[in-house]
């Protein structure tokens, strides 16, 4: 991965970026676990289980996971990049009831 990643969002454990896979020349979502958190016992294995579980889901409304890796103390996985409005933005703009029914 390379080419000026843009942060899409972050949580307690990981940050997700919009990035370019320079080998396949495609835009992807790249989820990277925080390096300090990755050193905590059990965190890497839970992150790997998350990636494996997500990779088993085949549904048009779920981003496909295509790769898992570890490099220089960082753990990451690569997902299909789905462009569009975030759920958070949708809820803010339309309210939680509208987001639930897909309005």
PDB file of N, CA and C in Angstrom:
ATOM      1  N   UNK A   1       0.847  -1.168   0.000  1.00  0.00           N
ATOM      2  CA  UNK A   1       0.000   0.000   0.000  1.00  0.00           C
ATOM      3  C   UNK A   1       0.891   1.228   0.000  1.00  0.00           C
ATOM      4  N   UNK A   2       0.400   2.244  -0.635  1.00  0.00           N
ATOM      5  CA  UNK A   2       1.189   3.459  -0.722  1.00  0.00           C
ATOM      6  C   UNK A   2       0.284   4.579  -1.216  1.00  0.00           C
ATOM      7  N   UNK A   3       0.819   5.729  -1.373  1.00  0.00           N
ATOM      8  CA  UNK A   3       0.116   6.804  -2.041  1.00  0.00           C
ATOM      9  C   UNK A   3      -0.811   7.611  -1.158  1.00  0.00           C
ATOM     10  N   UNK A   4      -0.294   8.214  -0.109  1.00  0.00           N
ATOM     11  CA  UNK A   4      -1.017   9.184   0.692  1.00  0.00           C
ATOM     12  C   UNK A   4      -2.371   8.694   1.194  1.00  0.00           C
ATOM     13  N   UNK A   5      -2.381   7.808   2.159  1.00  0.00           N
ATOM     14  CA  UNK A   5      -3.655   7.340   2.702  1.00  0.00           C
ATOM     15  C   UNK A   5      -4.420   8.474   3.383  1.00  0.00           C
ATOM     16  N   UNK A   6      -5.730   8.408   3.321  1.00  0.00           N
ATOM     17  CA  UNK A   6      -6.614   9.396   3.934  1.00  0.00           C
ATOM     18  C   UNK A   6      -7.420   8.680   5.002  1.00  0.00           C
ATOM     19  N   UNK A   7      -7.405   9.224   6.206  1.00  0.00           N
ATOM     20  CA  UNK A   7      -8.138   8.587   7.306  1.00  0.00           C
ATOM     21  C   UNK A   7      -9.643   8.677   7.063  1.00  0.00           C
ATOM     22  N   UNK A   8     -10.298   7.527   7.177  1.00  0.00           N
ATOM     23  CA  UNK A   8     -11.754   7.461   7.048  1.00  0.00           C
ATOM     24  C   UNK A   8     -12.429   7.444   8.407  1.00  0.00           C
ATOM     25  N   UNK A   9     -11.764   6.863   9.388  1.00  0.00           N
ATOM     26  CA  UNK A   9     -12.331   6.785  10.723  1.00  0.00           C
ATOM     27  C   UNK A   9     -11.434   5.989  11.636  1.00  0.00           C
ATOM     28  N   UNK A  10     -11.682   6.123  12.944  1.00  0.00           N
ATOM     29  CA  UNK A  10     -10.875   5.367  13.892  1.00  0.00           C
ATOM     30  C   UNK A  10     -11.717   4.999  15.094  1.00  0.00           C
ATOM     31  N   UNK A  11     -11.275   3.945  15.751  1.00  0.00           N
ATOM     32  CA  UNK A  11     -11.936   3.471  16.952  1.00  0.00           C
ATOM     33  C   UNK A  11     -10.912   3.279  18.043  1.00  0.00           C
ATOM     34  N   UNK A  12     -11.261   2.497  19.035  1.00  0.00           N
ATOM     35  CA  UNK A  12     -10.383   2.284  20.180  1.00  0.00           C
ATOM     36  C   UNK A  12      -9.147   1.474  19.819  1.00  0.00           C
ATOM     37  N   UNK A  13      -9.250   0.620  18.802  1.00  0.00           N
ATOM     38  CA  UNK A  13      -8.160  -0.309  18.492  1.00  0.00           C
ATOM     39  C   UNK A  13      -7.480  -0.011  17.163  1.00  0.00           C
ATOM     40  N   UNK A  14      -8.225   0.469  16.179  1.00  0.00           N
ATOM     41  CA  UNK A  14      -7.669   0.584  14.826  1.00  0.00           C
ATOM     42  C   UNK A  14      -8.174   1.841  14.120  1.00  0.00           C
ATOM     43  N   UNK A  15      -7.466   2.161  13.045  1.00  0.00           N
ATOM     44  CA  UNK A  15      -7.838   3.271  12.167  1.00  0.00           C
ATOM     45  C   UNK A  15      -8.009   2.722  10.759  1.00  0.00           C
ATOM     46  N   UNK A  16      -9.014   3.211  10.068  1.00  0.00           N
ATOM     47  CA  UNK A  16      -9.263   2.781   8.689  1.00  0.00           C
ATOM     48  C   UNK A  16      -8.941   3.937   7.756  1.00  0.00           C
ATOM     49  N   UNK A  17      -8.216   3.613   6.694  1.00  0.00           N
ATOM     50  CA  UNK A  17      -7.764   4.611   5.728  1.00  0.00           C
ATOM     51  C   UNK A  17      -8.272   4.281   4.332  1.00  0.00           C
ATOM     52  N   UNK A  18      -8.427   5.298   3.523  1.00  0.00           N
ATOM     53  CA  UNK A  18      -8.588   5.150   2.078  1.00  0.00           C
ATOM     54  C   UNK A  18      -7.161   5.157   1.546  1.00  0.00           C
ATOM     55  N   UNK A  19      -6.790   4.105   0.815  1.00  0.00           N
ATOM     56  CA  UNK A  19      -5.405   3.977   0.356  1.00  0.00           C
ATOM     57  C   UNK A  19      -5.379   3.399  -1.056  1.00  0.00           C
ATOM     58  N   UNK A  20      -4.219   3.432  -1.655  1.00  0.00           N
ATOM     59  CA  UNK A  20      -4.046   2.849  -2.993  1.00  0.00           C
ATOM     60  C   UNK A  20      -3.161   1.619  -2.884  1.00  0.00           C
ATOM     61  N   UNK A  21      -3.666   0.519  -3.406  1.00  0.00           N
ATOM     62  CA  UNK A  21      -2.853  -0.684  -3.556  1.00  0.00           C
ATOM     63  C   UNK A  21      -2.034  -0.459  -4.821  1.00  0.00           C
ATOM     64  N   UNK A  22      -0.733  -0.229  -4.644  1.00  0.00           N
ATOM     65  CA  UNK A  22       0.102   0.114  -5.794  1.00  0.00           C
ATOM     66  C   UNK A  22       0.429  -1.083  -6.671  1.00  0.00           C
ATOM     67  N   UNK A  23       0.285  -2.292  -6.137  1.00  0.00           N
ATOM     68  CA  UNK A  23       0.524  -3.493  -6.939  1.00  0.00           C
ATOM     69  C   UNK A  23      -0.640  -3.698  -7.912  1.00  0.00           C
ATOM     70  N   UNK A  24      -1.867  -3.614  -7.389  1.00  0.00           N
ATOM     71  CA  UNK A  24      -3.056  -3.831  -8.220  1.00  0.00           C
ATOM     72  C   UNK A  24      -3.617  -2.529  -8.793  1.00  0.00           C
ATOM     73  N   UNK A  25      -3.045  -1.406  -8.386  1.00  0.00           N
ATOM     74  CA  UNK A  25      -3.475  -0.086  -8.833  1.00  0.00           C
ATOM     75  C   UNK A  25      -4.981   0.119  -8.605  1.00  0.00           C
ATOM     76  N   UNK A  26      -5.400  -0.106  -7.344  1.00  0.00           N
ATOM     77  CA  UNK A  26      -6.809   0.083  -7.013  1.00  0.00           C
ATOM     78  C   UNK A  26      -6.936   0.752  -5.656  1.00  0.00           C
ATOM     79  N   UNK A  27      -8.045   1.453  -5.463  1.00  0.00           N
ATOM     80  CA  UNK A  27      -8.328   2.072  -4.181  1.00  0.00           C
ATOM     81  C   UNK A  27      -8.927   1.035  -3.244  1.00  0.00           C
ATOM     82  N   UNK A  28      -8.497   1.066  -1.994  1.00  0.00           N
ATOM     83  CA  UNK A  28      -8.938   0.095  -1.003  1.00  0.00           C
ATOM     84  C   UNK A  28      -9.167   0.802   0.329  1.00  0.00           C
ATOM     85  N   UNK A  29      -9.802   0.095   1.236  1.00  0.00           N
ATOM     86  CA  UNK A  29      -9.870   0.522   2.628  1.00  0.00           C
ATOM     87  C   UNK A  29      -8.840  -0.305   3.385  1.00  0.00           C
ATOM     88  N   UNK A  30      -8.033   0.346   4.173  1.00  0.00           N
ATOM     89  CA  UNK A  30      -6.944  -0.300   4.898  1.00  0.00           C
ATOM     90  C   UNK A  30      -7.167  -0.086   6.386  1.00  0.00           C
ATOM     91  N   UNK A  31      -7.412  -1.166   7.120  1.00  0.00           N
ATOM     92  CA  UNK A  31      -7.623  -1.083   8.564  1.00  0.00           C
ATOM     93  C   UNK A  31      -6.341  -1.487   9.262  1.00  0.00           C
ATOM     94  N   UNK A  32      -5.798  -0.568  10.069  1.00  0.00           N
ATOM     95  CA  UNK A  32      -4.503  -0.771  10.723  1.00  0.00           C
ATOM     96  C   UNK A  32      -4.690  -0.677  12.231  1.00  0.00           C
ATOM     97  N   UNK A  33      -4.214  -1.692  12.926  1.00  0.00           N
ATOM     98  CA  UNK A  33      -4.302  -1.689  14.380  1.00  0.00           C
ATOM     99  C   UNK A  33      -3.204  -0.792  14.940  1.00  0.00           C
ATOM    100  N   UNK A  34      -3.516  -0.067  15.986  1.00  0.00           N
ATOM    101  CA  UNK A  34      -2.542   0.801  16.633  1.00  0.00           C
ATOM    102  C   UNK A  34      -1.365  -0.038  17.133  1.00  0.00           C
ATOM    103  N   UNK A  35      -0.155   0.405  16.840  1.00  0.00           N
ATOM    104  CA  UNK A  35       1.060  -0.340  17.173  1.00  0.00           C
ATOM    105  C   UNK A  35       1.188  -0.632  18.668  1.00  0.00           C
ATOM    106  N   UNK A  36       0.873   0.348  19.492  1.00  0.00           N
ATOM    107  CA  UNK A  36       0.973   0.157  20.943  1.00  0.00           C
ATOM    108  C   UNK A  36      -0.052  -0.860  21.419  1.00  0.00           C
ATOM    109  N   UNK A  37      -1.246  -0.789  20.884  1.00  0.00           N
ATOM    110  CA  UNK A  37      -2.303  -1.721  21.267  1.00  0.00           C
ATOM    111  C   UNK A  37      -1.968  -3.128  20.772  1.00  0.00           C
ATOM    112  N   UNK A  38      -1.329  -3.222  19.617  1.00  0.00           N
ATOM    113  CA  UNK A  38      -0.972  -4.532  19.053  1.00  0.00           C
ATOM    114  C   UNK A  38      -0.023  -5.306  19.956  1.00  0.00           C
ATOM    115  N   UNK A  39       0.697  -4.609  20.823  1.00  0.00           N
ATOM    116  CA  UNK A  39       1.637  -5.274  21.733  1.00  0.00           C
ATOM    117  C   UNK A  39       0.932  -5.895  22.934  1.00  0.00           C
ATOM    118  N   UNK A  40      -0.317  -5.519  23.165  1.00  0.00           N
ATOM    119  CA  UNK A  40      -1.055  -6.054  24.315  1.00  0.00           C
ATOM    120  C   UNK A  40      -1.427  -7.512  24.056  1.00  0.00           C
ATOM    121  N   UNK A  41      -1.404  -8.340  25.099  1.00  0.00           N
ATOM    122  CA  UNK A  41      -1.715  -9.767  24.931  1.00  0.00           C
ATOM    123  C   UNK A  41      -3.107  -9.995  24.335  1.00  0.00           C
ATOM    124  N   UNK A  42      -3.154 -10.844  23.334  1.00  0.00           N
ATOM    125  CA  UNK A  42      -4.424 -11.247  22.740  1.00  0.00           C
ATOM    126  C   UNK A  42      -4.989 -10.322  21.685  1.00  0.00           C
ATOM    127  N   UNK A  43      -4.465  -9.128  21.563  1.00  0.00           N
ATOM    128  CA  UNK A  43      -5.039  -8.163  20.625  1.00  0.00           C
ATOM    129  C   UNK A  43      -4.817  -8.589  19.179  1.00  0.00           C
ATOM    130  N   UNK A  44      -3.607  -9.008  18.846  1.00  0.00           N
ATOM    131  CA  UNK A  44      -3.322  -9.438  17.464  1.00  0.00           C
ATOM    132  C   UNK A  44      -4.196 -10.612  17.061  1.00  0.00           C
ATOM    133  N   UNK A  45      -4.353 -11.570  17.954  1.00  0.00           N
ATOM    134  CA  UNK A  45      -5.168 -12.737  17.609  1.00  0.00           C
ATOM    135  C   UNK A  45      -6.635 -12.354  17.437  1.00  0.00           C
ATOM    136  N   UNK A  46      -7.138 -11.424  18.243  1.00  0.00           N
ATOM    137  CA  UNK A  46      -8.526 -10.966  18.072  1.00  0.00           C
ATOM    138  C   UNK A  46      -8.688 -10.220  16.749  1.00  0.00           C
ATOM    139  N   UNK A  47      -7.692  -9.411  16.396  1.00  0.00           N
ATOM    140  CA  UNK A  47      -7.742  -8.664  15.137  1.00  0.00           C
ATOM    141  C   UNK A  47      -7.729  -9.617  13.945  1.00  0.00           C
ATOM    142  N   UNK A  48      -6.902 -10.662  14.031  1.00  0.00           N
ATOM    143  CA  UNK A  48      -6.863 -11.673  12.976  1.00  0.00           C
ATOM    144  C   UNK A  48      -8.202 -12.404  12.885  1.00  0.00           C
ATOM    145  N   UNK A  49      -8.798 -12.753  14.032  1.00  0.00           N
ATOM    146  CA  UNK A  49     -10.116 -13.402  14.018  1.00  0.00           C
ATOM    147  C   UNK A  49     -11.165 -12.501  13.379  1.00  0.00           C
ATOM    148  N   UNK A  50     -11.098 -11.204  13.676  1.00  0.00           N
ATOM    149  CA  UNK A  50     -12.016 -10.244  13.061  1.00  0.00           C
ATOM    150  C   UNK A  50     -11.867 -10.253  11.546  1.00  0.00           C
ATOM    151  N   UNK A  51     -10.624 -10.202  11.064  1.00  0.00           N
ATOM    152  CA  UNK A  51     -10.372 -10.203   9.622  1.00  0.00           C
ATOM    153  C   UNK A  51     -10.857 -11.497   8.984  1.00  0.00           C
ATOM    154  N   UNK A  52     -10.588 -12.623   9.635  1.00  0.00           N
ATOM    155  CA  UNK A  52     -11.024 -13.918   9.100  1.00  0.00           C
ATOM    156  C   UNK A  52     -12.544 -14.002   9.051  1.00  0.00           C
ATOM    157  N   UNK A  53     -13.201 -13.551  10.102  1.00  0.00           N
ATOM    158  CA  UNK A  53     -14.667 -13.584  10.134  1.00  0.00           C
ATOM    159  C   UNK A  53     -15.244 -12.695   9.041  1.00  0.00           C
ATOM    160  N   UNK A  54     -14.697 -11.498   8.892  1.00  0.00           N
ATOM    161  CA  UNK A  54     -15.181 -10.580   7.858  1.00  0.00           C
ATOM    162  C   UNK A  54     -14.945 -11.144   6.460  1.00  0.00           C
ATOM    163  N   UNK A  55     -13.843 -11.861   6.280  1.00  0.00           N
ATOM    164  CA  UNK A  55     -13.524 -12.441   4.969  1.00  0.00           C
ATOM    165  C   UNK A  55     -14.511 -13.537   4.570  1.00  0.00           C
ATOM    166  N   UNK A  56     -15.200 -14.117   5.541  1.00  0.00           N
ATOM    167  CA  UNK A  56     -16.159 -15.189   5.256  1.00  0.00           C
ATOM    168  C   UNK A  56     -17.531 -14.660   4.851  1.00  0.00           C
ATOM    169  N   UNK A  57     -17.760 -13.378   5.038  1.00  0.00           N
ATOM    170  CA  UNK A  57     -19.065 -12.798   4.722  1.00  0.00           C
ATOM    171  C   UNK A  57     -19.111 -12.422   3.246  1.00  0.00           C
ATOM    172  N   UNK A  58     -20.102 -12.945   2.559  1.00  0.00           N
ATOM    173  CA  UNK A  58     -20.297 -12.639   1.140  1.00  0.00           C
ATOM    174  C   UNK A  58     -21.696 -12.056   0.986  1.00  0.00           C
ATOM    175  N   UNK A  59     -21.764 -10.735   1.017  1.00  0.00           N
ATOM    176  CA  UNK A  59     -23.052 -10.051   0.941  1.00  0.00           C
ATOM    177  C   UNK A  59     -22.826  -8.715   0.239  1.00  0.00           C
ATOM    178  N   UNK A  60     -23.759  -8.297  -0.594  1.00  0.00           N
ATOM    179  CA  UNK A  60     -23.563  -7.039  -1.326  1.00  0.00           C
ATOM    180  C   UNK A  60     -23.468  -5.803  -0.431  1.00  0.00           C
ATOM    181  N   UNK A  61     -23.937  -5.889   0.805  1.00  0.00           N
ATOM    182  CA  UNK A  61     -23.892  -4.734   1.708  1.00  0.00           C
ATOM    183  C   UNK A  61     -22.714  -4.776   2.678  1.00  0.00           C
ATOM    184  N   UNK A  62     -21.787  -5.699   2.463  1.00  0.00           N
ATOM    185  CA  UNK A  62     -20.626  -5.836   3.340  1.00  0.00           C
ATOM    186  C   UNK A  62     -19.357  -5.788   2.489  1.00  0.00           C
ATOM    187  N   UNK A  63     -18.417  -4.929   2.896  1.00  0.00           N
ATOM    188  CA  UNK A  63     -17.150  -4.808   2.168  1.00  0.00           C
ATOM    189  C   UNK A  63     -16.353  -6.105   2.275  1.00  0.00           C
ATOM    190  N   UNK A  64     -15.809  -6.554   1.169  1.00  0.00           N
ATOM    191  CA  UNK A  64     -15.012  -7.789   1.123  1.00  0.00           C
ATOM    192  C   UNK A  64     -13.616  -7.546   1.670  1.00  0.00           C
ATOM    193  N   UNK A  65     -13.138  -8.460   2.503  1.00  0.00           N
ATOM    194  CA  UNK A  65     -11.768  -8.431   2.990  1.00  0.00           C
ATOM    195  C   UNK A  65     -10.929  -9.244   2.018  1.00  0.00           C
ATOM    196  N   UNK A  66      -9.803  -8.673   1.569  1.00  0.00           N
ATOM    197  CA  UNK A  66      -9.002  -9.351   0.553  1.00  0.00           C
ATOM    198  C   UNK A  66      -7.597  -9.729   1.011  1.00  0.00           C
ATOM    199  N   UNK A  67      -7.128  -9.168   2.132  1.00  0.00           N
ATOM    200  CA  UNK A  67      -5.748  -9.446   2.534  1.00  0.00           C
ATOM    201  C   UNK A  67      -5.564  -9.116   4.009  1.00  0.00           C
ATOM    202  N   UNK A  68      -4.731  -9.914   4.699  1.00  0.00           N
ATOM    203  CA  UNK A  68      -4.312  -9.641   6.068  1.00  0.00           C
ATOM    204  C   UNK A  68      -2.791  -9.663   6.070  1.00  0.00           C
ATOM    205  N   UNK A  69      -2.195  -8.794   6.852  1.00  0.00           N
ATOM    206  CA  UNK A  69      -0.747  -8.802   6.924  1.00  0.00           C
ATOM    207  C   UNK A  69      -0.213  -8.203   8.207  1.00  0.00           C
ATOM    208  N   UNK A  70       1.050  -8.478   8.465  1.00  0.00           N
ATOM    209  CA  UNK A  70       1.784  -7.895   9.584  1.00  0.00           C
ATOM    210  C   UNK A  70       3.134  -7.462   9.054  1.00  0.00           C
ATOM    211  N   UNK A  71       3.496  -6.213   9.377  1.00  0.00           N
ATOM    212  CA  UNK A  71       4.774  -5.685   8.888  1.00  0.00           C
ATOM    213  C   UNK A  71       5.278  -4.624   9.843  1.00  0.00           C
ATOM    214  N   UNK A  72       6.526  -4.726  10.243  1.00  0.00           N
ATOM    215  CA  UNK A  72       7.165  -3.734  11.112  1.00  0.00           C
ATOM    216  C   UNK A  72       6.339  -3.431  12.361  1.00  0.00           C
ATOM    217  N   UNK A  73       5.783  -4.465  12.976  1.00  0.00           N
ATOM    218  CA  UNK A  73       5.026  -4.291  14.200  1.00  0.00           C
ATOM    219  C   UNK A  73       3.600  -3.837  14.012  1.00  0.00           C
ATOM    220  N   UNK A  74       3.166  -3.684  12.778  1.00  0.00           N
ATOM    221  CA  UNK A  74       1.783  -3.280  12.508  1.00  0.00           C
ATOM    222  C   UNK A  74       0.995  -4.449  11.939  1.00  0.00           C
ATOM    223  N   UNK A  75      -0.257  -4.542  12.356  1.00  0.00           N
ATOM    224  CA  UNK A  75      -1.189  -5.526  11.808  1.00  0.00           C
ATOM    225  C   UNK A  75      -2.220  -4.756  11.001  1.00  0.00           C
ATOM    226  N   UNK A  76      -2.621  -5.327   9.883  1.00  0.00           N
ATOM    227  CA  UNK A  76      -3.589  -4.633   9.035  1.00  0.00           C
ATOM    228  C   UNK A  76      -4.369  -5.628   8.211  1.00  0.00           C
ATOM    229  N   UNK A  77      -5.521  -5.179   7.719  1.00  0.00           N
ATOM    230  CA  UNK A  77      -6.174  -5.926   6.662  1.00  0.00           C
ATOM    231  C   UNK A  77      -6.764  -4.971   5.652  1.00  0.00           C
ATOM    232  N   UNK A  78      -6.932  -5.485   4.452  1.00  0.00           N
ATOM    233  CA  UNK A  78      -7.367  -4.696   3.309  1.00  0.00           C
ATOM    234  C   UNK A  78      -8.789  -5.106   2.945  1.00  0.00           C
ATOM    235  N   UNK A  79      -9.622  -4.102   2.716  1.00  0.00           N
ATOM    236  CA  UNK A  79     -11.020  -4.337   2.358  1.00  0.00           C
ATOM    237  C   UNK A  79     -11.372  -3.570   1.091  1.00  0.00           C
ATOM    238  N   UNK A  80     -12.444  -4.011   0.501  1.00  0.00           N
ATOM    239  CA  UNK A  80     -13.043  -3.274  -0.607  1.00  0.00           C
ATOM    240  C   UNK A  80     -13.402  -1.877  -0.097  1.00  0.00           C
ATOM    241  N   UNK A  81     -13.105  -0.865  -0.881  1.00  0.00           N
ATOM    242  CA  UNK A  81     -13.477   0.510  -0.530  1.00  0.00           C
ATOM    243  C   UNK A  81     -14.876   0.783  -1.062  1.00  0.00           C
ATOM    244  N   UNK A  82     -15.771   1.125  -0.174  1.00  0.00           N
ATOM    245  CA  UNK A  82     -17.142   1.448  -0.562  1.00  0.00           C
ATOM    246  C   UNK A  82     -17.297   2.952  -0.421  1.00  0.00           C
ATOM    247  N   UNK A  83     -17.469   3.625  -1.535  1.00  0.00           N
ATOM    248  CA  UNK A  83     -17.618   5.078  -1.534  1.00  0.00           C
ATOM    249  C   UNK A  83     -19.038   5.439  -1.128  1.00  0.00           C
ATOM    250  N   UNK A  84     -19.190   6.592  -0.528  1.00  0.00           N
ATOM    251  CA  UNK A  84     -20.525   7.064  -0.193  1.00  0.00           C
ATOM    252  C   UNK A  84     -20.577   7.653   1.194  1.00  0.00           C
ATOM    253  N   UNK A  85     -21.769   7.948   1.606  1.00  0.00           N
ATOM    254  CA  UNK A  85     -22.028   8.568   2.889  1.00  0.00           C
ATOM    255  C   UNK A  85     -21.832   7.556   4.020  1.00  0.00           C
ATOM    256  N   UNK A  86     -21.228   7.995   5.117  1.00  0.00           N
ATOM    257  CA  UNK A  86     -21.072   7.110   6.263  1.00  0.00           C
ATOM    258  C   UNK A  86     -22.400   6.979   6.994  1.00  0.00           C
ATOM    259  N   UNK A  87     -22.532   5.912   7.757  1.00  0.00           N
ATOM    260  CA  UNK A  87     -23.734   5.729   8.562  1.00  0.00           C
ATOM    261  C   UNK A  87     -23.876   6.869   9.559  1.00  0.00           C
ATOM    262  N   UNK A  88     -22.758   7.301  10.136  1.00  0.00           N
ATOM    263  CA  UNK A  88     -22.792   8.406  11.092  1.00  0.00           C
ATOM    264  C   UNK A  88     -23.358   9.668  10.448  1.00  0.00           C
ATOM    265  N   UNK A  89     -22.913   9.988   9.237  1.00  0.00           N
ATOM    266  CA  UNK A  89     -23.414  11.180   8.545  1.00  0.00           C
ATOM    267  C   UNK A  89     -24.887  11.040   8.205  1.00  0.00           C
ATOM    268  N   UNK A  90     -25.275   9.848   7.813  1.00  0.00           N
ATOM    269  CA  UNK A  90     -26.673   9.596   7.476  1.00  0.00           C
ATOM    270  C   UNK A  90     -27.576   9.797   8.692  1.00  0.00           C
ATOM    271  N   UNK A  91     -27.155   9.273   9.841  1.00  0.00           N
ATOM    272  CA  UNK A  91     -27.944   9.427  11.068  1.00  0.00           C
ATOM    273  C   UNK A  91     -28.031  10.894  11.471  1.00  0.00           C
ATOM    274  N   UNK A  92     -26.923  11.608  11.368  1.00  0.00           N
ATOM    275  CA  UNK A  92     -26.931  13.039  11.710  1.00  0.00           C
ATOM    276  C   UNK A  92     -27.878  13.821  10.811  1.00  0.00           C
ATOM    277  N   UNK A  93     -27.881  13.488   9.532  1.00  0.00           N
ATOM    278  CA  UNK A  93     -28.693  14.238   8.572  1.00  0.00           C
ATOM    279  C   UNK A  93     -30.168  13.863   8.615  1.00  0.00           C
ATOM    280  N   UNK A  94     -30.447  12.588   8.834  1.00  0.00           N
ATOM    281  CA  UNK A  94     -31.831  12.121   8.691  1.00  0.00           C
ATOM    282  C   UNK A  94     -32.433  11.536   9.955  1.00  0.00           C
ATOM    283  N   UNK A  95     -31.632  11.296  10.957  1.00  0.00           N
ATOM    284  CA  UNK A  95     -32.128  10.676  12.182  1.00  0.00           C
ATOM    285  C   UNK A  95     -31.975   9.168  12.138  1.00  0.00           C
ATOM    286  N   UNK A  96     -31.989   8.541  13.287  1.00  0.00           N
ATOM    287  CA  UNK A  96     -31.720   7.099  13.376  1.00  0.00           C
ATOM    288  C   UNK A  96     -32.806   6.266  12.721  1.00  0.00           C
ATOM    289  N   UNK A  97     -34.068   6.677  12.759  1.00  0.00           N
ATOM    290  CA  UNK A  97     -35.149   5.885  12.134  1.00  0.00           C
ATOM    291  C   UNK A  97     -34.954   5.822  10.633  1.00  0.00           C
ATOM    292  N   UNK A  98     -34.583   6.915  10.012  1.00  0.00           N
ATOM    293  CA  UNK A  98     -34.363   6.931   8.558  1.00  0.00           C
ATOM    294  C   UNK A  98     -33.177   6.053   8.174  1.00  0.00           C
ATOM    295  N   UNK A  99     -32.135   6.048   8.981  1.00  0.00           N
ATOM    296  CA  UNK A  99     -30.961   5.233   8.684  1.00  0.00           C
ATOM    297  C   UNK A  99     -31.318   3.748   8.766  1.00  0.00           C
ATOM    298  N   UNK A 100     -32.195   3.368   9.692  1.00  0.00           N
ATOM    299  CA  UNK A 100     -32.567   1.963   9.839  1.00  0.00           C
ATOM    300  C   UNK A 100     -33.341   1.451   8.641  1.00  0.00           C
ATOM    301  N   UNK A 101     -34.174   2.258   8.035  1.00  0.00           N
ATOM    302  CA  UNK A 101     -34.997   1.788   6.926  1.00  0.00           C
ATOM    303  C   UNK A 101     -34.310   2.045   5.577  1.00  0.00           C
ATOM    304  N   UNK A 102     -33.108   2.628   5.609  1.00  0.00           N
ATOM    305  CA  UNK A 102     -32.361   2.818   4.365  1.00  0.00           C
ATOM    306  C   UNK A 102     -32.819   4.003   3.543  1.00  0.00           C
ATOM    307  N   UNK A 103     -33.401   4.983   4.173  1.00  0.00           N
ATOM    308  CA  UNK A 103     -33.893   6.173   3.461  1.00  0.00           C
ATOM    309  C   UNK A 103     -32.765   7.022   2.946  1.00  0.00           C
TER     310      UNK A 103
END
